[in-house]
Amino acid sequence: MERAFGERLDRWVALHAQHTGQVPDAVFSYGAWAPGTSTSWHRSGQAFDVSRLRRSGRDLVSARYDQWRDAPATELRARLAAYWRLAAGLHHEFADVVTYLYSADHSNHIHVDVGRFGPQRPRLIPRSKVQVQAVQAMCRHVWGRGEVEITGELDGVTRDATTRILGDHGGSGELTDSREAWQAFLVATMRRR
């Protein structure tokens, strides 16, 4: 992988440990580089597919939705909350974060790449269906906001829920107001137990 991209992944692992309390000693992946002639970020060594974080041979969190999506309700709720806290940390560091909501091809990993923002930390792009779906999934599965539907549209219900979450956890305004508001929402989501 490209060196600066690897350093960014290291920052994400440290961020995850800091805010979730999970300190992995291994990150399982389907890879960073893929041979071929495509223009994929994988081809440039600036993409990574996260499948699970482990410590001492045990899973801390799994992005293998394909393996646990049919789990009993209590286990499924816990796995979805852990998955979306993991995704929150990835969204904190990377603009392009692709989950199982995007396509069945991503049901066994979360894809990240440098995408639109390059070396800068990302912000929320309201027209990004992928980012908005993630926000909505975080609201439902981490924050217990059942009124938020996962549509990919930044609707009033989603805006109201995220504004309340931000206000209750030291942030202010709306997610679309600033990069800082976006980052504050993601950090609060990682910390949520």
N, C-alpha and C. Protein backbone atom coordinates (compact mmCIF):
# COMPACT_ATOMS: atom_id res chain seq x y z
N MET A 1 0.84 -1.18 0.00
CA MET A 1 0.00 0.00 0.00
C MET A 1 0.88 1.23 0.00
N GLU A 2 0.34 2.32 -0.44
CA GLU A 2 1.04 3.58 -0.46
C GLU A 2 1.31 4.02 0.99
N ARG A 3 2.50 4.50 1.27
CA ARG A 3 2.94 4.77 2.65
C ARG A 3 2.01 5.72 3.41
N ALA A 4 1.66 6.86 2.83
CA ALA A 4 0.80 7.82 3.52
C ALA A 4 -0.57 7.21 3.83
N PHE A 5 -1.05 6.35 2.93
CA PHE A 5 -2.32 5.67 3.18
C PHE A 5 -2.18 4.72 4.36
N GLY A 6 -1.08 3.99 4.43
CA GLY A 6 -0.83 3.10 5.57
C GLY A 6 -0.76 3.86 6.88
N GLU A 7 -0.15 5.03 6.87
CA GLU A 7 -0.08 5.86 8.07
C GLU A 7 -1.47 6.33 8.50
N ARG A 8 -2.29 6.59 7.52
CA ARG A 8 -3.67 6.99 7.82
C ARG A 8 -4.44 5.83 8.46
N LEU A 9 -4.22 4.63 7.96
CA LEU A 9 -4.85 3.46 8.59
C LEU A 9 -4.37 3.30 10.02
N ASP A 10 -3.08 3.54 10.27
CA ASP A 10 -2.56 3.47 11.63
C ASP A 10 -3.27 4.49 12.53
N ARG A 11 -3.50 5.70 12.02
CA ARG A 11 -4.23 6.72 12.80
C ARG A 11 -5.65 6.25 13.11
N TRP A 12 -6.28 5.60 12.12
CA TRP A 12 -7.63 5.09 12.36
C TRP A 12 -7.62 4.02 13.46
N VAL A 13 -6.67 3.10 13.44
CA VAL A 13 -6.62 2.05 14.47
C VAL A 13 -6.44 2.69 15.85
N ALA A 14 -5.57 3.69 15.96
CA ALA A 14 -5.36 4.39 17.23
C ALA A 14 -6.64 5.11 17.67
N LEU A 15 -7.32 5.74 16.73
CA LEU A 15 -8.58 6.43 17.03
C LEU A 15 -9.63 5.43 17.52
N HIS A 16 -9.72 4.30 16.86
CA HIS A 16 -10.66 3.26 17.25
C HIS A 16 -10.37 2.81 18.68
N ALA A 17 -9.12 2.54 18.99
CA ALA A 17 -8.74 2.10 20.34
C ALA A 17 -9.09 3.18 21.37
N GLN A 18 -8.78 4.41 21.06
CA GLN A 18 -9.02 5.52 21.98
C GLN A 18 -10.49 5.68 22.33
N HIS A 19 -11.36 5.58 21.33
CA HIS A 19 -12.76 5.91 21.56
C HIS A 19 -13.68 4.72 21.80
N THR A 20 -13.26 3.52 21.43
CA THR A 20 -14.10 2.35 21.69
C THR A 20 -13.58 1.52 22.85
N GLY A 21 -12.30 1.71 23.20
CA GLY A 21 -11.69 0.88 24.24
C GLY A 21 -11.21 -0.47 23.71
N GLN A 22 -11.43 -0.74 22.44
CA GLN A 22 -10.97 -1.99 21.82
C GLN A 22 -9.59 -1.76 21.22
N VAL A 23 -8.61 -2.52 21.68
CA VAL A 23 -7.24 -2.36 21.21
C VAL A 23 -6.86 -3.61 20.42
N PRO A 24 -7.03 -3.55 19.11
CA PRO A 24 -6.73 -4.74 18.30
C PRO A 24 -5.23 -4.98 18.16
N ASP A 25 -4.87 -6.24 18.07
CA ASP A 25 -3.48 -6.58 17.73
C ASP A 25 -3.40 -7.12 16.30
N ALA A 26 -4.57 -7.22 15.64
CA ALA A 26 -4.61 -7.66 14.25
C ALA A 26 -5.82 -7.06 13.55
N VAL A 27 -5.61 -6.61 12.33
CA VAL A 27 -6.69 -6.13 11.47
C VAL A 27 -6.75 -7.10 10.30
N PHE A 28 -7.86 -7.78 10.16
CA PHE A 28 -8.03 -8.71 9.06
C PHE A 28 -8.61 -7.98 7.87
N SER A 29 -8.14 -8.36 6.68
CA SER A 29 -8.51 -7.64 5.47
C SER A 29 -8.52 -8.58 4.28
N TYR A 30 -9.18 -8.11 3.22
CA TYR A 30 -9.10 -8.79 1.93
C TYR A 30 -8.09 -8.10 1.04
N GLY A 31 -7.39 -7.13 1.61
CA GLY A 31 -6.27 -6.55 0.90
C GLY A 31 -6.38 -5.07 0.65
N ALA A 32 -5.24 -4.54 0.21
CA ALA A 32 -5.13 -3.12 -0.11
C ALA A 32 -4.86 -2.93 -1.60
N TRP A 33 -4.13 -3.84 -2.20
CA TRP A 33 -3.74 -3.68 -3.59
C TRP A 33 -4.32 -4.81 -4.41
N ALA A 34 -4.83 -4.47 -5.58
CA ALA A 34 -5.36 -5.48 -6.50
C ALA A 34 -4.74 -5.25 -7.87
N PRO A 35 -4.19 -6.29 -8.48
CA PRO A 35 -3.60 -6.13 -9.80
C PRO A 35 -4.68 -5.90 -10.85
N GLY A 36 -4.28 -5.31 -11.95
CA GLY A 36 -5.22 -5.12 -13.05
C GLY A 36 -5.06 -3.75 -13.68
N THR A 37 -5.95 -3.46 -14.57
CA THR A 37 -5.85 -2.20 -15.31
C THR A 37 -6.93 -1.21 -14.92
N SER A 38 -7.71 -1.51 -13.90
CA SER A 38 -8.79 -0.61 -13.51
C SER A 38 -8.22 0.65 -12.86
N THR A 39 -9.09 1.63 -12.68
CA THR A 39 -8.69 2.87 -12.02
C THR A 39 -9.07 2.85 -10.54
N SER A 40 -9.32 1.69 -9.99
CA SER A 40 -9.69 1.53 -8.59
C SER A 40 -8.61 2.10 -7.68
N TRP A 41 -9.04 2.63 -6.55
CA TRP A 41 -8.08 3.08 -5.53
C TRP A 41 -7.25 1.90 -5.04
N HIS A 42 -7.80 0.69 -5.11
CA HIS A 42 -7.01 -0.50 -4.75
C HIS A 42 -5.80 -0.60 -5.67
N ARG A 43 -6.00 -0.30 -6.92
CA ARG A 43 -4.91 -0.40 -7.90
C ARG A 43 -3.76 0.55 -7.57
N SER A 44 -4.08 1.67 -6.92
CA SER A 44 -3.04 2.64 -6.58
C SER A 44 -2.48 2.43 -5.18
N GLY A 45 -2.96 1.40 -4.47
CA GLY A 45 -2.47 1.15 -3.11
C GLY A 45 -3.02 2.14 -2.10
N GLN A 46 -4.20 2.71 -2.40
CA GLN A 46 -4.80 3.69 -1.51
C GLN A 46 -6.23 3.31 -1.13
N ALA A 47 -6.45 2.00 -0.99
CA ALA A 47 -7.74 1.48 -0.54
C ALA A 47 -7.47 0.25 0.33
N PHE A 48 -8.43 -0.05 1.19
CA PHE A 48 -8.26 -1.16 2.12
C PHE A 48 -9.64 -1.73 2.44
N ASP A 49 -9.74 -3.04 2.58
CA ASP A 49 -10.99 -3.71 2.91
C ASP A 49 -10.87 -4.33 4.30
N VAL A 50 -11.58 -3.79 5.28
CA VAL A 50 -11.53 -4.25 6.67
C VAL A 50 -12.59 -5.33 6.87
N SER A 51 -12.18 -6.50 7.35
CA SER A 51 -13.16 -7.55 7.62
C SER A 51 -13.36 -7.81 9.12
N ARG A 52 -12.34 -7.58 9.93
CA ARG A 52 -12.50 -7.76 11.38
C ARG A 52 -11.31 -7.20 12.13
N LEU A 53 -11.54 -6.86 13.38
CA LEU A 53 -10.46 -6.49 14.29
C LEU A 53 -10.40 -7.57 15.36
N ARG A 54 -9.18 -8.00 15.69
CA ARG A 54 -9.01 -9.09 16.64
C ARG A 54 -7.97 -8.72 17.70
N ARG A 55 -8.06 -9.40 18.83
CA ARG A 55 -7.06 -9.29 19.89
C ARG A 55 -6.92 -10.67 20.51
N SER A 56 -5.69 -11.13 20.61
CA SER A 56 -5.39 -12.44 21.20
C SER A 56 -6.22 -13.54 20.56
N GLY A 57 -6.38 -13.47 19.25
CA GLY A 57 -7.08 -14.52 18.51
C GLY A 57 -8.60 -14.47 18.59
N ARG A 58 -9.16 -13.43 19.22
CA ARG A 58 -10.61 -13.33 19.35
C ARG A 58 -11.10 -12.05 18.66
N ASP A 59 -12.27 -12.15 18.06
CA ASP A 59 -12.85 -10.98 17.40
C ASP A 59 -13.23 -9.92 18.41
N LEU A 60 -12.85 -8.69 18.12
CA LEU A 60 -13.35 -7.53 18.85
C LEU A 60 -14.59 -7.01 18.14
N VAL A 61 -14.49 -6.94 16.82
CA VAL A 61 -15.61 -6.50 15.99
C VAL A 61 -15.44 -7.12 14.60
N SER A 62 -16.55 -7.53 14.03
CA SER A 62 -16.54 -8.15 12.71
C SER A 62 -17.33 -7.31 11.72
N ALA A 63 -16.77 -7.13 10.55
CA ALA A 63 -17.49 -6.48 9.44
C ALA A 63 -18.05 -7.54 8.50
N ARG A 64 -18.08 -8.79 8.96
CA ARG A 64 -18.58 -9.91 8.16
C ARG A 64 -20.09 -10.04 8.30
N TYR A 65 -20.80 -9.03 7.81
CA TYR A 65 -22.26 -9.03 7.83
C TYR A 65 -22.80 -10.32 7.22
N ASP A 66 -22.13 -10.85 6.22
CA ASP A 66 -22.57 -12.09 5.58
C ASP A 66 -22.60 -13.26 6.56
N GLN A 67 -21.79 -13.22 7.60
CA GLN A 67 -21.74 -14.33 8.56
C GLN A 67 -22.72 -14.16 9.72
N TRP A 68 -23.09 -12.95 10.08
CA TRP A 68 -23.93 -12.77 11.26
C TRP A 68 -25.27 -12.07 11.00
N ARG A 69 -25.59 -11.77 9.76
CA ARG A 69 -26.84 -11.04 9.47
C ARG A 69 -28.09 -11.81 9.88
N ASP A 70 -28.01 -13.13 9.99
CA ASP A 70 -29.17 -13.93 10.39
C ASP A 70 -29.08 -14.39 11.84
N ALA A 71 -28.25 -13.74 12.64
CA ALA A 71 -28.10 -14.08 14.05
C ALA A 71 -29.40 -13.79 14.81
N PRO A 72 -29.58 -14.43 15.97
CA PRO A 72 -30.74 -14.10 16.80
C PRO A 72 -30.78 -12.60 17.12
N ALA A 73 -31.95 -12.07 17.37
CA ALA A 73 -32.17 -10.62 17.49
C ALA A 73 -31.22 -9.94 18.46
N THR A 74 -31.00 -10.49 19.64
CA THR A 74 -30.12 -9.84 20.63
C THR A 74 -28.69 -9.77 20.13
N GLU A 75 -28.20 -10.86 19.57
CA GLU A 75 -26.84 -10.88 19.03
C GLU A 75 -26.73 -9.94 17.83
N LEU A 76 -27.74 -9.94 16.97
CA LEU A 76 -27.72 -9.07 15.79
C LEU A 76 -27.65 -7.60 16.19
N ARG A 77 -28.44 -7.21 17.19
CA ARG A 77 -28.40 -5.82 17.66
C ARG A 77 -27.00 -5.44 18.12
N ALA A 78 -26.37 -6.31 18.89
CA ALA A 78 -25.01 -6.03 19.40
C ALA A 78 -24.01 -5.96 18.26
N ARG A 79 -24.10 -6.86 17.30
CA ARG A 79 -23.17 -6.87 16.17
C ARG A 79 -23.35 -5.64 15.28
N LEU A 80 -24.60 -5.25 15.05
CA LEU A 80 -24.85 -4.06 14.24
C LEU A 80 -24.32 -2.81 14.93
N ALA A 81 -24.50 -2.70 16.24
CA ALA A 81 -23.98 -1.54 16.97
C ALA A 81 -22.46 -1.50 16.87
N ALA A 82 -21.80 -2.64 17.06
CA ALA A 82 -20.33 -2.69 16.97
C ALA A 82 -19.86 -2.37 15.54
N TYR A 83 -20.56 -2.91 14.56
CA TYR A 83 -20.23 -2.66 13.15
C TYR A 83 -20.29 -1.17 12.84
N TRP A 84 -21.36 -0.50 13.27
CA TRP A 84 -21.52 0.91 12.93
C TRP A 84 -20.62 1.82 13.76
N ARG A 85 -20.19 1.37 14.96
CA ARG A 85 -19.15 2.12 15.68
C ARG A 85 -17.82 2.01 14.93
N LEU A 86 -17.53 0.82 14.40
CA LEU A 86 -16.34 0.62 13.57
C LEU A 86 -16.42 1.52 12.34
N ALA A 87 -17.56 1.53 11.68
CA ALA A 87 -17.73 2.36 10.48
C ALA A 87 -17.59 3.85 10.81
N ALA A 88 -18.04 4.27 11.99
CA ALA A 88 -17.92 5.68 12.39
C ALA A 88 -16.46 6.10 12.42
N GLY A 89 -15.60 5.25 12.97
CA GLY A 89 -14.17 5.56 13.00
C GLY A 89 -13.58 5.63 11.60
N LEU A 90 -14.01 4.75 10.74
CA LEU A 90 -13.52 4.78 9.36
C LEU A 90 -14.00 6.03 8.64
N HIS A 91 -15.25 6.43 8.87
CA HIS A 91 -15.77 7.67 8.27
C HIS A 91 -15.02 8.89 8.81
N HIS A 92 -14.54 8.81 10.03
CA HIS A 92 -13.78 9.92 10.63
C HIS A 92 -12.51 10.19 9.84
N GLU A 93 -11.88 9.13 9.34
CA GLU A 93 -10.59 9.25 8.66
C GLU A 93 -10.68 9.22 7.14
N PHE A 94 -11.74 8.65 6.59
CA PHE A 94 -11.83 8.45 5.15
C PHE A 94 -13.18 8.95 4.63
N ALA A 95 -13.18 9.60 3.47
CA ALA A 95 -14.41 10.09 2.87
C ALA A 95 -15.21 8.96 2.24
N ASP A 96 -14.52 8.03 1.65
CA ASP A 96 -15.20 6.94 0.95
C ASP A 96 -15.12 5.67 1.78
N VAL A 97 -16.26 5.36 2.39
CA VAL A 97 -16.40 4.18 3.25
C VAL A 97 -17.62 3.44 2.73
N VAL A 98 -17.41 2.22 2.24
CA VAL A 98 -18.48 1.48 1.59
C VAL A 98 -18.82 0.26 2.44
N THR A 99 -20.09 0.15 2.84
CA THR A 99 -20.55 -0.92 3.72
C THR A 99 -21.49 -1.87 2.97
N TYR A 100 -22.06 -2.82 3.72
CA TYR A 100 -23.01 -3.76 3.13
C TYR A 100 -24.25 -3.06 2.59
N LEU A 101 -24.53 -1.84 3.05
CA LEU A 101 -25.69 -1.12 2.53
C LEU A 101 -25.51 -0.72 1.07
N TYR A 102 -24.27 -0.62 0.63
CA TYR A 102 -23.97 -0.20 -0.75
C TYR A 102 -24.26 -1.33 -1.74
N SER A 103 -23.75 -2.53 -1.42
CA SER A 103 -23.97 -3.67 -2.31
C SER A 103 -23.62 -4.96 -1.60
N ALA A 104 -24.15 -6.05 -2.13
CA ALA A 104 -23.85 -7.38 -1.56
C ALA A 104 -22.36 -7.69 -1.66
N ASP A 105 -21.66 -7.08 -2.61
CA ASP A 105 -20.21 -7.30 -2.74
C ASP A 105 -19.46 -6.84 -1.49
N HIS A 106 -20.09 -6.01 -0.68
CA HIS A 106 -19.45 -5.47 0.52
C HIS A 106 -20.04 -6.07 1.80
N SER A 107 -20.67 -7.22 1.70
CA SER A 107 -21.26 -7.83 2.89
C SER A 107 -20.24 -8.56 3.76
N ASN A 108 -19.00 -8.69 3.27
CA ASN A 108 -17.97 -9.35 4.09
C ASN A 108 -16.82 -8.42 4.48
N HIS A 109 -16.98 -7.11 4.22
CA HIS A 109 -15.94 -6.15 4.59
C HIS A 109 -16.47 -4.72 4.47
N ILE A 110 -15.72 -3.80 5.03
CA ILE A 110 -15.96 -2.38 4.81
C ILE A 110 -14.78 -1.85 4.01
N HIS A 111 -15.08 -1.25 2.89
CA HIS A 111 -14.05 -0.70 1.99
C HIS A 111 -13.80 0.76 2.35
N VAL A 112 -12.53 1.16 2.40
CA VAL A 112 -12.17 2.57 2.57
C VAL A 112 -11.14 2.94 1.52
N ASP A 113 -11.19 4.22 1.09
CA ASP A 113 -10.15 4.72 0.19
C ASP A 113 -10.02 6.23 0.38
N VAL A 114 -8.98 6.80 -0.23
CA VAL A 114 -8.71 8.22 -0.06
C VAL A 114 -9.70 9.08 -0.82
N GLY A 115 -10.24 8.59 -1.90
CA GLY A 115 -11.32 9.23 -2.63
C GLY A 115 -11.27 10.73 -2.76
N ARG A 116 -12.40 11.32 -2.50
CA ARG A 116 -12.63 12.73 -2.78
C ARG A 116 -11.74 13.71 -2.02
N PHE A 117 -11.33 13.39 -0.81
CA PHE A 117 -10.64 14.38 0.01
C PHE A 117 -9.14 14.17 0.09
N GLY A 118 -8.62 13.12 -0.50
CA GLY A 118 -7.18 12.89 -0.45
C GLY A 118 -6.69 12.87 0.99
N PRO A 119 -5.64 13.64 1.31
CA PRO A 119 -5.06 13.58 2.65
C PRO A 119 -5.86 14.33 3.72
N GLN A 120 -6.84 15.13 3.33
CA GLN A 120 -7.64 15.86 4.32
C GLN A 120 -8.63 14.95 5.02
N ARG A 121 -8.97 15.31 6.26
CA ARG A 121 -10.06 14.60 6.93
C ARG A 121 -11.36 14.96 6.21
N PRO A 122 -12.26 14.01 6.11
CA PRO A 122 -13.48 14.26 5.35
C PRO A 122 -14.52 15.08 6.11
N ARG A 123 -15.52 15.49 5.39
CA ARG A 123 -16.71 16.13 5.94
C ARG A 123 -17.90 15.40 5.33
N LEU A 124 -19.05 15.65 5.89
CA LEU A 124 -20.27 15.05 5.33
C LEU A 124 -20.66 15.79 4.06
N ILE A 125 -20.94 15.02 3.04
CA ILE A 125 -21.47 15.56 1.79
C ILE A 125 -22.95 15.16 1.75
N PRO A 126 -23.86 16.09 1.95
CA PRO A 126 -25.28 15.75 2.07
C PRO A 126 -25.85 14.96 0.91
N ARG A 127 -25.30 15.10 -0.29
CA ARG A 127 -25.83 14.35 -1.44
C ARG A 127 -25.20 12.95 -1.57
N SER A 128 -24.26 12.62 -0.68
CA SER A 128 -23.62 11.30 -0.73
C SER A 128 -24.54 10.25 -0.10
N LYS A 129 -25.13 9.43 -0.93
CA LYS A 129 -26.03 8.39 -0.43
C LYS A 129 -25.31 7.46 0.53
N VAL A 130 -24.06 7.13 0.24
CA VAL A 130 -23.29 6.22 1.09
C VAL A 130 -23.08 6.82 2.48
N GLN A 131 -22.68 8.09 2.55
CA GLN A 131 -22.47 8.73 3.85
C GLN A 131 -23.79 8.88 4.60
N VAL A 132 -24.83 9.29 3.92
CA VAL A 132 -26.11 9.51 4.60
C VAL A 132 -26.68 8.19 5.09
N GLN A 133 -26.58 7.13 4.30
CA GLN A 133 -27.02 5.81 4.78
C GLN A 133 -26.27 5.42 6.05
N ALA A 134 -24.98 5.69 6.08
CA ALA A 134 -24.18 5.36 7.27
C ALA A 134 -24.66 6.15 8.48
N VAL A 135 -24.91 7.45 8.30
CA VAL A 135 -25.43 8.27 9.40
C VAL A 135 -26.74 7.69 9.90
N GLN A 136 -27.62 7.34 8.99
CA GLN A 136 -28.92 6.80 9.38
C GLN A 136 -28.78 5.45 10.09
N ALA A 137 -27.87 4.61 9.61
CA ALA A 137 -27.64 3.32 10.28
C ALA A 137 -27.04 3.53 11.67
N MET A 138 -26.13 4.51 11.81
CA MET A 138 -25.57 4.82 13.13
C MET A 138 -26.68 5.30 14.07
N CYS A 139 -27.57 6.15 13.56
CA CYS A 139 -28.69 6.63 14.38
C CYS A 139 -29.55 5.46 14.87
N ARG A 140 -29.88 4.55 13.99
CA ARG A 140 -30.74 3.41 14.34
C ARG A 140 -30.03 2.40 15.23
N HIS A 141 -28.84 1.96 14.79
CA HIS A 141 -28.21 0.79 15.42
C HIS A 141 -27.30 1.12 16.60
N VAL A 142 -26.76 2.33 16.65
CA VAL A 142 -25.91 2.71 17.77
C VAL A 142 -26.70 3.57 18.76
N TRP A 143 -27.46 4.53 18.24
CA TRP A 143 -28.16 5.49 19.09
C TRP A 143 -29.59 5.09 19.41
N GLY A 144 -30.10 4.01 18.81
CA GLY A 144 -31.46 3.55 19.11
C GLY A 144 -32.55 4.48 18.61
N ARG A 145 -32.27 5.25 17.57
CA ARG A 145 -33.25 6.19 17.01
C ARG A 145 -34.05 5.47 15.92
N GLY A 146 -35.04 4.69 16.35
CA GLY A 146 -35.85 3.90 15.43
C GLY A 146 -36.66 4.70 14.45
N GLU A 147 -36.86 5.99 14.74
CA GLU A 147 -37.64 6.83 13.82
C GLU A 147 -36.85 7.16 12.56
N VAL A 148 -35.54 6.98 12.59
CA VAL A 148 -34.70 7.29 11.43
C VAL A 148 -34.70 6.10 10.48
N GLU A 149 -35.17 6.32 9.28
CA GLU A 149 -35.18 5.28 8.25
C GLU A 149 -33.90 5.37 7.43
N ILE A 150 -33.41 4.22 6.95
CA ILE A 150 -32.20 4.20 6.13
C ILE A 150 -32.61 4.33 4.67
N THR A 151 -32.57 5.57 4.19
CA THR A 151 -33.01 5.88 2.83
C THR A 151 -31.90 6.45 1.95
N GLY A 152 -30.85 6.99 2.58
CA GLY A 152 -29.81 7.66 1.82
C GLY A 152 -30.13 9.12 1.53
N GLU A 153 -31.29 9.58 1.96
CA GLU A 153 -31.70 10.98 1.80
C GLU A 153 -31.59 11.67 3.15
N LEU A 154 -30.93 12.81 3.19
CA LEU A 154 -30.75 13.55 4.44
C LEU A 154 -32.04 14.33 4.73
N ASP A 155 -33.00 13.63 5.31
CA ASP A 155 -34.32 14.19 5.55
C ASP A 155 -34.39 14.89 6.91
N GLY A 156 -35.54 15.49 7.19
CA GLY A 156 -35.73 16.22 8.43
C GLY A 156 -35.60 15.36 9.67
N VAL A 157 -36.08 14.12 9.61
CA VAL A 157 -36.00 13.22 10.76
C VAL A 157 -34.54 12.92 11.08
N THR A 158 -33.74 12.67 10.06
CA THR A 158 -32.32 12.40 10.26
C THR A 158 -31.61 13.63 10.80
N ARG A 159 -31.90 14.78 10.22
CA ARG A 159 -31.29 16.04 10.69
C ARG A 159 -31.64 16.30 12.16
N ASP A 160 -32.92 16.11 12.52
CA ASP A 160 -33.33 16.34 13.90
C ASP A 160 -32.62 15.39 14.86
N ALA A 161 -32.55 14.11 14.49
CA ALA A 161 -31.90 13.12 15.36
C ALA A 161 -30.42 13.43 15.55
N THR A 162 -29.72 13.74 14.47
CA THR A 162 -28.29 13.99 14.59
C THR A 162 -28.01 15.31 15.32
N THR A 163 -28.86 16.29 15.14
CA THR A 163 -28.68 17.56 15.87
C THR A 163 -28.86 17.33 17.37
N ARG A 164 -29.84 16.52 17.75
CA ARG A 164 -30.03 16.19 19.17
C ARG A 164 -28.85 15.41 19.71
N ILE A 165 -28.37 14.43 18.94
CA ILE A 165 -27.21 13.63 19.38
C ILE A 165 -26.01 14.55 19.58
N LEU A 166 -25.75 15.41 18.62
CA LEU A 166 -24.63 16.35 18.75
C LEU A 166 -24.79 17.22 20.00
N GLY A 167 -25.97 17.80 20.18
CA GLY A 167 -26.22 18.67 21.32
C GLY A 167 -26.06 17.97 22.65
N ASP A 168 -26.48 16.70 22.71
CA ASP A 168 -26.37 15.93 23.95
C ASP A 168 -24.95 15.47 24.25
N HIS A 169 -24.06 15.56 23.26
CA HIS A 169 -22.71 15.01 23.43
C HIS A 169 -21.62 16.03 23.11
N GLY A 170 -21.90 17.28 23.42
CA GLY A 170 -20.87 18.31 23.36
C GLY A 170 -20.68 19.00 22.03
N GLY A 171 -21.45 18.64 21.03
CA GLY A 171 -21.34 19.32 19.75
C GLY A 171 -22.45 20.34 19.61
N SER A 172 -22.47 20.99 18.49
CA SER A 172 -23.56 21.93 18.25
C SER A 172 -23.84 22.02 16.76
N GLY A 173 -25.03 22.50 16.45
CA GLY A 173 -25.41 22.67 15.05
C GLY A 173 -25.80 21.37 14.39
N GLU A 174 -25.69 21.39 13.06
CA GLU A 174 -26.02 20.22 12.24
C GLU A 174 -24.76 19.60 11.66
N LEU A 175 -24.88 18.35 11.26
CA LEU A 175 -23.74 17.64 10.67
C LEU A 175 -23.18 18.34 9.45
N THR A 176 -24.05 19.02 8.73
CA THR A 176 -23.63 19.68 7.50
C THR A 176 -22.98 21.04 7.74
N ASP A 177 -22.98 21.51 8.97
CA ASP A 177 -22.44 22.85 9.28
C ASP A 177 -20.93 22.94 9.09
N SER A 178 -20.22 21.88 9.47
CA SER A 178 -18.76 21.96 9.44
C SER A 178 -18.14 20.57 9.52
N ARG A 179 -16.87 20.51 9.17
CA ARG A 179 -16.09 19.28 9.33
C ARG A 179 -16.05 18.89 10.81
N GLU A 180 -15.96 19.90 11.70
CA GLU A 180 -15.89 19.64 13.15
C GLU A 180 -17.18 18.99 13.67
N ALA A 181 -18.33 19.44 13.17
CA ALA A 181 -19.60 18.83 13.58
C ALA A 181 -19.66 17.37 13.13
N TRP A 182 -19.25 17.11 11.91
CA TRP A 182 -19.20 15.73 11.38
C TRP A 182 -18.30 14.87 12.24
N GLN A 183 -17.10 15.36 12.52
CA GLN A 183 -16.13 14.60 13.33
C GLN A 183 -16.67 14.36 14.75
N ALA A 184 -17.33 15.38 15.33
CA ALA A 184 -17.88 15.24 16.69
C ALA A 184 -18.96 14.16 16.74
N PHE A 185 -19.81 14.11 15.72
CA PHE A 185 -20.84 13.07 15.66
C PHE A 185 -20.20 11.69 15.59
N LEU A 186 -19.17 11.55 14.77
CA LEU A 186 -18.52 10.25 14.61
C LEU A 186 -17.80 9.82 15.89
N VAL A 187 -17.13 10.73 16.56
CA VAL A 187 -16.45 10.39 17.81
C VAL A 187 -17.49 9.99 18.86
N ALA A 188 -18.58 10.74 18.98
CA ALA A 188 -19.64 10.38 19.93
C ALA A 188 -20.20 8.99 19.62
N THR A 189 -20.34 8.68 18.36
CA THR A 189 -20.85 7.37 17.95
C THR A 189 -19.87 6.27 18.33
N MET A 190 -18.58 6.49 18.11
CA MET A 190 -17.59 5.48 18.51
C MET A 190 -17.64 5.23 20.01
N ARG A 191 -17.83 6.28 20.80
CA ARG A 191 -17.82 6.17 22.26
C ARG A 191 -19.08 5.54 22.84
N ARG A 192 -20.15 5.56 22.09
CA ARG A 192 -21.46 5.10 22.58
C ARG A 192 -21.41 3.62 22.94
N ARG A 193 -21.88 3.29 24.11
CA ARG A 193 -21.94 1.88 24.55
C ARG A 193 -23.37 1.42 24.64
